[in-house]
Amino acid sequence: MAPGPGLRQSPLHDRHQALGAKLVAFGGWEMPLSYPQGTVAEHLSCRRRAAAFDVSHLGTVRLEGPGAFEALQSALTNDLARIGPGRAQYTHLLDEDGSVLDDLIVWWVKPQRFDVMPNASNTSRVRAALGGRDVTDERAVIAVQGPEARRLLAQVCPEAAAPGRFAVSRFSYRGAEAVAAGTGYTGEPGVECALAPEAAGDLWDRLVDTGVAPAGLGARDSLRLEAGLPLHGHELGPGITPLQAGLGWVVAWHKPDFPGKAALERERRYGPVRRLRGLLAAGRRPPRRHQAVLAGGRRVGEVTSGGFSPVLGRGIALALLEASVGEGEEVEVDAPREAIACQVVPTPFVAPGVRRG
């Protein structure tokens, strides 16, 4: 099957086709949305045992050399000095108005090498801001996630399963350098493995043979929503700051100026006018993005992401609400046909690392 016009393909594309995946356009790539078992089954496999996700569409911008640390430290919100080689860090790249141009993970692979992982559609923007080299085509990335992820991955490649949470380690796979990081986007423990494209198919096949369920973008999104994790373009993006998204912890206020810091300091002084909150629906019907949130018949915000929680059996959503709307309040989502009754709740909706079902 030829890719859609202008779409890139993962090194694992043939594997997805062989498994009967439904392929869709996403961030300029043709990627699996789901496999024949369906999104809910894939979601529950990750929560209960382990699932493998092809996330090769994520970018990798590599900065190397004596100036790499300073380039990142001066451009990003978090403080790299808090970690060191062999660790990873979640951070933000901001516009001057304090809004989030991208949220990304920095893998500090060795003393003078940093692999920065932006969202798929933001790779060029991040490279332009940070410098470095786009090495996205030089590797594939497989995320193995779930309570049994490390145990099953260790049966295939013990070195890949070794890094703990937000740790990074190098290893060799089929004669080529690979890197594993204890990161992910599901709310479950797990590892992301970046390895040579020609070696990725072998690792994928062996994981599937070991009983790790292949999972697509649909399950990845429903899992991150249950975990209350933001998605750029939804909970982060133009006009949305880290403080509004409840991510002030990624801002190192003590650092010298970085892009957007002055705007954030003003917002911090007066307090955000809106905040990201969780909404738990009274029933199974899910709120959807862009639907208005009402309190006492008055609009107080908007849904940024919504869906059905396979674990809770109820609709859930993230929404940007007026700062005065607090947890425990009853609100309505203005949906077609009938409003959806919801309660404002803390996130995550589903606690991480707990076996379910």
Protein backbone atom coordinates (compact mmCIF):
# COMPACT_ATOMS: atom_id res chain seq x y z
CA MET A 1 0.00 0.00 0.00
CA ALA A 2 1.37 3.42 -0.95
CA PRO A 3 1.31 6.09 1.75
CA GLY A 4 -1.08 9.02 1.49
CA PRO A 5 0.19 12.09 -0.37
CA GLY A 6 3.20 13.54 1.44
CA LEU A 7 2.95 11.12 4.38
CA ARG A 8 6.02 9.54 5.91
CA GLN A 9 6.08 5.90 6.97
CA SER A 10 7.56 4.27 10.04
CA PRO A 11 10.25 1.59 9.64
CA LEU A 12 7.59 -0.73 11.15
CA HIS A 13 4.97 0.08 8.50
CA ASP A 14 5.08 -3.40 6.94
CA ARG A 15 4.59 -4.97 10.38
CA HIS A 16 1.48 -2.88 10.97
CA GLN A 17 0.05 -3.90 7.62
CA ALA A 18 0.76 -7.58 8.31
CA LEU A 19 -1.09 -7.29 11.64
CA GLY A 20 -4.13 -5.77 9.94
CA ALA A 21 -3.77 -2.30 11.44
CA LYS A 22 -6.04 0.54 10.41
CA LEU A 23 -3.62 3.23 9.19
CA VAL A 24 -4.36 6.96 9.42
CA ALA A 25 -2.58 10.24 8.79
CA PHE A 26 -1.12 11.76 11.96
CA GLY A 27 1.38 14.61 12.23
CA GLY A 28 2.55 14.06 8.67
CA TRP A 29 2.95 10.31 9.11
CA GLU A 30 0.87 7.25 8.23
CA MET A 31 0.51 5.44 11.55
CA PRO A 32 -1.67 2.67 13.05
CA LEU A 33 -4.85 3.89 14.70
CA SER A 34 -5.82 0.42 15.93
CA TYR A 35 -5.43 -3.29 15.23
CA PRO A 36 -8.21 -5.85 14.69
CA GLN A 37 -8.70 -6.40 18.44
CA GLY A 38 -9.84 -2.78 18.75
CA THR A 39 -8.87 0.27 20.77
CA VAL A 40 -10.60 -0.75 24.01
CA ALA A 41 -8.87 -4.15 24.05
CA GLU A 42 -5.50 -2.49 23.33
CA HIS A 43 -6.12 0.04 26.11
CA LEU A 44 -6.94 -2.68 28.65
CA SER A 45 -3.94 -4.76 27.56
CA CYS A 46 -1.73 -1.83 28.52
CA ARG A 47 -3.48 -1.29 31.85
CA ARG A 48 -3.50 -5.00 32.77
CA ARG A 49 -0.34 -6.44 31.18
CA ALA A 50 1.71 -4.75 28.42
CA ALA A 51 1.33 -3.09 25.04
CA ALA A 52 3.79 -1.96 22.38
CA PHE A 53 3.33 1.33 20.52
CA ASP A 54 5.21 2.45 17.43
CA VAL A 55 6.04 6.09 18.22
CA SER A 56 8.59 6.58 15.47
CA HIS A 57 6.58 9.59 14.31
CA LEU A 58 7.89 11.55 17.29
CA GLY A 59 10.86 13.67 16.37
CA THR A 60 14.44 13.41 17.59
CA VAL A 61 16.61 16.52 17.51
CA ARG A 62 20.19 15.74 18.58
CA LEU A 63 22.44 18.35 20.16
CA GLU A 64 26.09 17.42 20.70
CA GLY A 65 29.29 19.09 21.74
CA PRO A 66 30.47 21.50 24.43
CA GLY A 67 27.71 24.06 23.79
CA ALA A 68 24.77 21.64 23.81
CA PHE A 69 23.94 21.95 27.52
CA GLU A 70 23.96 25.76 27.43
CA ALA A 71 21.80 25.87 24.30
CA LEU A 72 19.10 23.78 25.94
CA GLN A 73 19.39 25.42 29.35
CA SER A 74 18.87 28.88 27.87
CA ALA A 75 15.90 27.89 25.67
CA LEU A 76 13.80 25.51 27.78
CA THR A 77 11.81 26.02 30.98
CA ASN A 78 13.10 23.21 33.17
CA ASP A 79 16.54 23.08 34.77
CA LEU A 80 18.83 20.49 33.20
CA ALA A 81 21.26 21.02 36.07
CA ARG A 82 18.81 19.08 38.23
CA ILE A 83 19.65 15.90 36.34
CA GLY A 84 22.75 14.55 34.57
CA PRO A 85 23.88 12.08 31.93
CA GLY A 86 21.77 8.94 31.97
CA ARG A 87 18.58 10.80 32.91
CA ALA A 88 15.56 12.25 31.05
CA GLN A 89 13.56 15.41 31.76
CA TYR A 90 10.15 16.73 30.74
CA THR A 91 10.26 20.41 29.74
CA HIS A 92 8.63 23.15 27.64
CA LEU A 93 9.65 25.42 24.79
CA LEU A 94 7.71 28.68 25.10
CA ASP A 95 6.67 31.56 22.92
CA GLU A 96 7.40 35.06 24.25
CA ASP A 97 3.81 35.33 25.52
CA GLY A 98 4.39 32.30 27.77
CA SER A 99 2.30 29.89 25.72
CA VAL A 100 3.70 26.44 24.96
CA LEU A 101 5.25 26.03 21.52
CA ASP A 102 5.97 22.40 22.38
CA ASP A 103 6.31 20.07 25.32
CA LEU A 104 9.15 17.64 24.97
CA ILE A 105 11.42 15.15 26.66
CA VAL A 106 15.19 15.59 26.79
CA TRP A 107 17.19 12.35 26.90
CA TRP A 108 20.66 13.15 28.29
CA VAL A 109 22.37 10.21 26.61
CA LYS A 110 26.01 10.98 27.45
CA PRO A 111 27.91 14.05 28.77
CA GLN A 112 27.79 16.01 25.52
CA ARG A 113 24.86 14.38 23.72
CA PHE A 114 21.20 15.25 24.17
CA ASP A 115 18.33 13.68 22.20
CA VAL A 116 15.34 16.02 22.33
CA MET A 117 11.96 14.38 21.60
CA PRO A 118 9.37 16.87 20.25
CA ASN A 119 5.84 16.17 19.08
CA ALA A 120 5.67 14.91 15.52
CA SER A 121 4.43 18.08 13.84
CA ASN A 122 6.78 20.34 15.83
CA THR A 123 10.16 18.83 14.97
CA SER A 124 11.18 21.56 12.51
CA ARG A 125 10.05 24.29 14.92
CA VAL A 126 12.03 22.79 17.79
CA ARG A 127 15.15 22.35 15.66
CA ALA A 128 14.91 25.97 14.52
CA ALA A 129 14.70 27.13 18.14
CA LEU A 130 17.35 24.86 19.63
CA GLY A 131 19.73 24.08 16.80
CA GLY A 132 21.09 20.56 16.50
CA ARG A 133 20.39 17.91 13.91
CA ASP A 134 17.14 16.17 12.99
CA VAL A 135 17.92 12.45 13.30
CA THR A 136 14.31 11.24 13.18
CA ASP A 137 14.99 9.11 10.08
CA GLU A 138 18.00 7.46 11.72
CA ARG A 139 16.01 5.54 14.33
CA ALA A 140 12.69 3.91 15.14
CA VAL A 141 11.06 4.25 18.57
CA ILE A 142 9.02 1.52 20.27
CA ALA A 143 7.23 2.25 23.56
CA VAL A 144 6.58 -0.80 25.74
CA GLN A 145 4.10 0.16 28.44
CA GLY A 146 2.14 -1.55 31.20
CA PRO A 147 2.60 -3.25 34.60
CA GLU A 148 4.29 -6.23 32.92
CA ALA A 149 6.22 -4.16 30.35
CA ARG A 150 9.69 -4.47 31.82
CA ARG A 151 9.34 -8.15 32.66
CA LEU A 152 8.26 -9.06 29.13
CA LEU A 153 10.79 -6.76 27.47
CA ALA A 154 13.54 -8.32 29.59
CA GLN A 155 12.73 -11.71 28.04
CA VAL A 156 13.60 -10.20 24.67
CA CYS A 157 16.37 -7.73 25.57
CA PRO A 158 17.33 -7.36 29.25
CA GLU A 159 19.43 -4.25 28.58
CA ALA A 160 16.44 -2.42 27.09
CA ALA A 161 14.33 -3.17 30.16
CA ALA A 162 16.96 -1.94 32.64
CA PRO A 163 16.34 1.84 32.90
CA GLY A 164 14.14 2.95 35.76
CA ARG A 165 11.70 5.85 35.63
CA PHE A 166 13.22 8.75 33.68
CA ALA A 167 16.58 6.96 33.45
CA VAL A 168 18.39 6.61 30.10
CA SER A 169 20.86 3.91 29.04
CA ARG A 170 22.66 2.84 25.88
CA PHE A 171 22.83 -0.74 24.68
CA SER A 172 23.48 -2.71 21.51
CA TYR A 173 20.77 -4.46 19.55
CA ARG A 174 21.61 -6.55 16.48
CA GLY A 175 25.01 -4.90 16.32
CA ALA A 176 23.76 -1.30 16.36
CA GLU A 177 23.64 1.31 19.12
CA ALA A 178 20.26 1.74 20.80
CA VAL A 179 18.97 3.88 23.65
CA ALA A 180 16.26 3.07 26.18
CA ALA A 181 14.52 5.56 28.47
CA GLY A 182 12.09 4.95 31.31
CA THR A 183 9.52 7.31 29.82
CA GLY A 184 6.09 6.98 28.22
CA TYR A 185 2.68 8.52 27.67
CA THR A 186 0.21 6.05 29.14
CA GLY A 187 0.34 6.53 32.90
CA GLU A 188 1.80 3.03 33.24
CA PRO A 189 5.42 2.04 33.90
CA GLY A 190 7.45 1.23 30.84
CA VAL A 191 10.31 1.99 28.51
CA GLU A 192 10.79 3.73 25.17
CA CYS A 193 13.46 2.20 22.93
CA ALA A 194 15.16 4.14 20.12
CA LEU A 195 17.04 1.81 17.81
CA ALA A 196 18.31 1.51 14.26
CA PRO A 197 15.46 1.24 11.71
CA GLU A 198 16.83 -2.04 10.36
CA ALA A 199 16.74 -3.58 13.85
CA ALA A 200 13.32 -2.30 14.92
CA GLY A 201 11.28 -4.96 13.11
CA ASP A 202 13.06 -7.76 14.93
CA LEU A 203 12.39 -6.20 18.35
CA TRP A 204 8.75 -5.56 17.44
CA ASP A 205 8.24 -9.15 16.25
CA ARG A 206 9.82 -10.64 19.34
CA LEU A 207 7.73 -8.46 21.64
CA VAL A 208 4.52 -9.52 19.89
CA ASP A 209 5.62 -13.16 20.04
CA THR A 210 6.19 -12.76 23.79
CA GLY A 211 2.60 -11.64 24.27
CA VAL A 212 2.96 -7.86 24.27
CA ALA A 213 -0.16 -6.50 22.54
CA PRO A 214 0.37 -4.13 19.59
CA ALA A 215 -1.51 -0.89 20.20
CA GLY A 216 -2.22 2.16 18.07
CA LEU A 217 -2.85 5.86 18.35
CA GLY A 218 -6.43 5.37 19.57
CA ALA A 219 -5.35 3.51 22.70
CA ARG A 220 -2.41 5.85 23.23
CA ASP A 221 -4.83 8.78 23.34
CA SER A 222 -7.40 7.11 25.62
CA LEU A 223 -4.60 6.00 27.97
CA ARG A 224 -3.04 9.46 28.20
CA LEU A 225 -6.48 10.96 28.81
CA GLU A 226 -7.17 8.57 31.71
CA ALA A 227 -3.75 9.53 33.05
CA GLY A 228 -4.60 13.24 32.74
CA LEU A 229 -1.60 13.91 30.49
CA PRO A 230 -1.72 16.95 28.18
CA LEU A 231 -1.59 16.76 24.40
CA HIS A 232 -0.04 19.59 22.43
CA GLY A 233 -2.70 21.26 20.30
CA HIS A 234 -5.32 20.42 22.94
CA GLU A 235 -4.17 21.16 26.52
CA LEU A 236 -1.03 23.00 25.40
CA GLY A 237 -0.48 25.40 22.52
CA PRO A 238 -1.16 29.00 21.48
CA GLY A 239 -2.57 31.00 24.36
CA ILE A 240 -2.12 28.17 26.88
CA THR A 241 0.69 28.53 29.41
CA PRO A 242 2.28 25.92 31.71
CA LEU A 243 0.56 27.58 34.68
CA GLN A 244 -2.88 27.30 33.09
CA ALA A 245 -2.17 23.64 32.30
CA GLY A 246 -1.18 22.89 35.90
CA LEU A 247 2.43 22.29 34.87
CA GLY A 248 4.17 25.07 36.76
CA TRP A 249 6.58 22.47 38.13
CA VAL A 250 8.37 22.37 34.76
CA VAL A 251 9.36 26.04 35.12
CA ALA A 252 12.70 26.69 36.84
CA TRP A 253 12.01 30.20 38.13
CA HIS A 254 15.56 30.62 39.43
CA LYS A 255 17.10 30.29 35.96
CA PRO A 256 18.21 33.36 34.00
CA ASP A 257 15.79 34.54 31.34
CA PHE A 258 14.47 32.04 28.83
CA PRO A 259 11.85 32.79 26.15
CA GLY A 260 8.49 33.46 27.79
CA LYS A 261 9.78 33.77 31.35
CA ALA A 262 8.75 37.41 31.81
CA ALA A 263 5.18 36.67 30.69
CA LEU A 264 5.00 33.67 33.04
CA GLU A 265 6.26 35.74 35.96
CA ARG A 266 3.45 38.24 35.38
CA GLU A 267 0.89 35.44 35.23
CA ARG A 268 2.34 33.90 38.36
CA ARG A 269 2.07 37.22 40.19
CA TYR A 270 -1.62 37.73 39.44
CA GLY A 271 -2.66 34.08 39.05
CA PRO A 272 -3.92 32.31 35.91
CA VAL A 273 -7.41 33.30 34.80
CA ARG A 274 -8.15 29.71 33.83
CA ARG A 275 -6.89 26.26 34.81
CA LEU A 276 -6.95 22.78 33.35
CA ARG A 277 -9.36 20.52 35.23
CA GLY A 278 -10.66 16.98 34.99
CA LEU A 279 -14.34 16.28 34.28
CA LEU A 280 -15.96 12.97 35.23
CA ALA A 281 -19.30 12.36 33.51
CA ALA A 282 -22.22 10.86 35.40
CA GLY A 283 -22.64 8.21 32.70
CA ARG A 284 -20.91 6.58 29.77
CA ARG A 285 -21.50 9.39 27.28
CA PRO A 286 -18.22 11.27 26.75
CA PRO A 287 -17.72 15.02 26.43
CA ARG A 288 -15.92 16.08 23.25
CA ARG A 289 -13.34 18.70 22.37
CA HIS A 290 -14.54 22.32 21.97
CA GLN A 291 -17.84 21.70 23.78
CA ALA A 292 -18.70 24.45 26.24
CA VAL A 293 -18.68 23.81 29.99
CA LEU A 294 -21.51 25.46 31.92
CA ALA A 295 -21.96 26.19 35.62
CA GLY A 296 -25.37 27.47 36.64
CA GLY A 297 -26.18 27.98 32.98
CA ARG A 298 -23.14 30.25 32.48
CA ARG A 299 -20.22 29.31 30.24
CA VAL A 300 -17.10 28.81 32.38
CA GLY A 301 -14.79 27.05 29.95
CA GLU A 302 -14.30 24.55 27.17
CA VAL A 303 -13.43 20.89 26.80
CA THR A 304 -9.92 20.38 25.41
CA SER A 305 -10.01 16.56 25.20
CA GLY A 306 -12.77 14.08 25.92
CA GLY A 307 -13.48 10.40 25.55
CA PHE A 308 -14.69 7.18 27.13
CA SER A 309 -12.67 5.63 29.95
CA PRO A 310 -12.51 1.84 29.46
CA VAL A 311 -11.34 1.40 33.05
CA LEU A 312 -13.99 3.58 34.72
CA GLY A 313 -16.78 2.86 32.24
CA ARG A 314 -17.66 6.57 32.18
CA GLY A 315 -17.05 9.63 30.07
CA ILE A 316 -14.04 11.73 31.04
CA ALA A 317 -12.57 14.99 29.80
CA LEU A 318 -9.95 17.64 30.34
CA ALA A 319 -11.19 21.22 30.20
CA LEU A 320 -9.83 24.74 30.61
CA LEU A 321 -12.12 26.37 33.17
CA GLU A 322 -12.26 29.72 34.89
CA ALA A 323 -9.90 29.67 37.85
CA SER A 324 -12.83 30.14 40.26
CA VAL A 325 -14.28 26.72 39.32
CA GLY A 326 -12.87 24.23 41.80
CA GLU A 327 -12.75 20.48 42.29
CA GLY A 328 -16.00 18.91 43.47
CA GLU A 329 -18.24 21.38 41.63
CA GLU A 330 -21.06 20.10 39.43
CA VAL A 331 -21.03 21.38 35.84
CA GLU A 332 -22.62 20.52 32.50
CA VAL A 333 -21.06 20.00 29.11
CA ASP A 334 -23.17 21.55 26.37
CA ALA A 335 -23.39 18.52 24.05
CA PRO A 336 -25.79 17.94 21.14
CA ARG A 337 -29.24 16.57 22.05
CA GLU A 338 -28.66 16.60 25.81
CA ALA A 339 -26.19 18.20 28.21
CA ILE A 340 -23.74 15.89 29.97
CA ALA A 341 -23.69 16.18 33.77
CA CYS A 342 -20.12 16.15 35.11
CA GLN A 343 -18.18 16.72 38.29
CA VAL A 344 -14.89 18.60 38.40
CA VAL A 345 -12.34 16.09 39.70
CA PRO A 346 -8.57 15.82 40.21
CA THR A 347 -6.44 13.98 37.69
CA PRO A 348 -5.26 11.38 36.93
CA PHE A 349 -8.63 9.73 36.48
CA VAL A 350 -6.92 6.34 36.81
CA ALA A 351 -3.95 5.95 39.15
CA PRO A 352 -0.77 4.69 37.45
CA GLY A 353 0.85 1.33 37.91
CA VAL A 354 -2.15 -0.54 39.30
CA ARG A 355 -3.26 -3.87 37.80
CA ARG A 356 -6.93 -3.72 36.77
CA GLY A 357 -9.52 -6.20 35.58
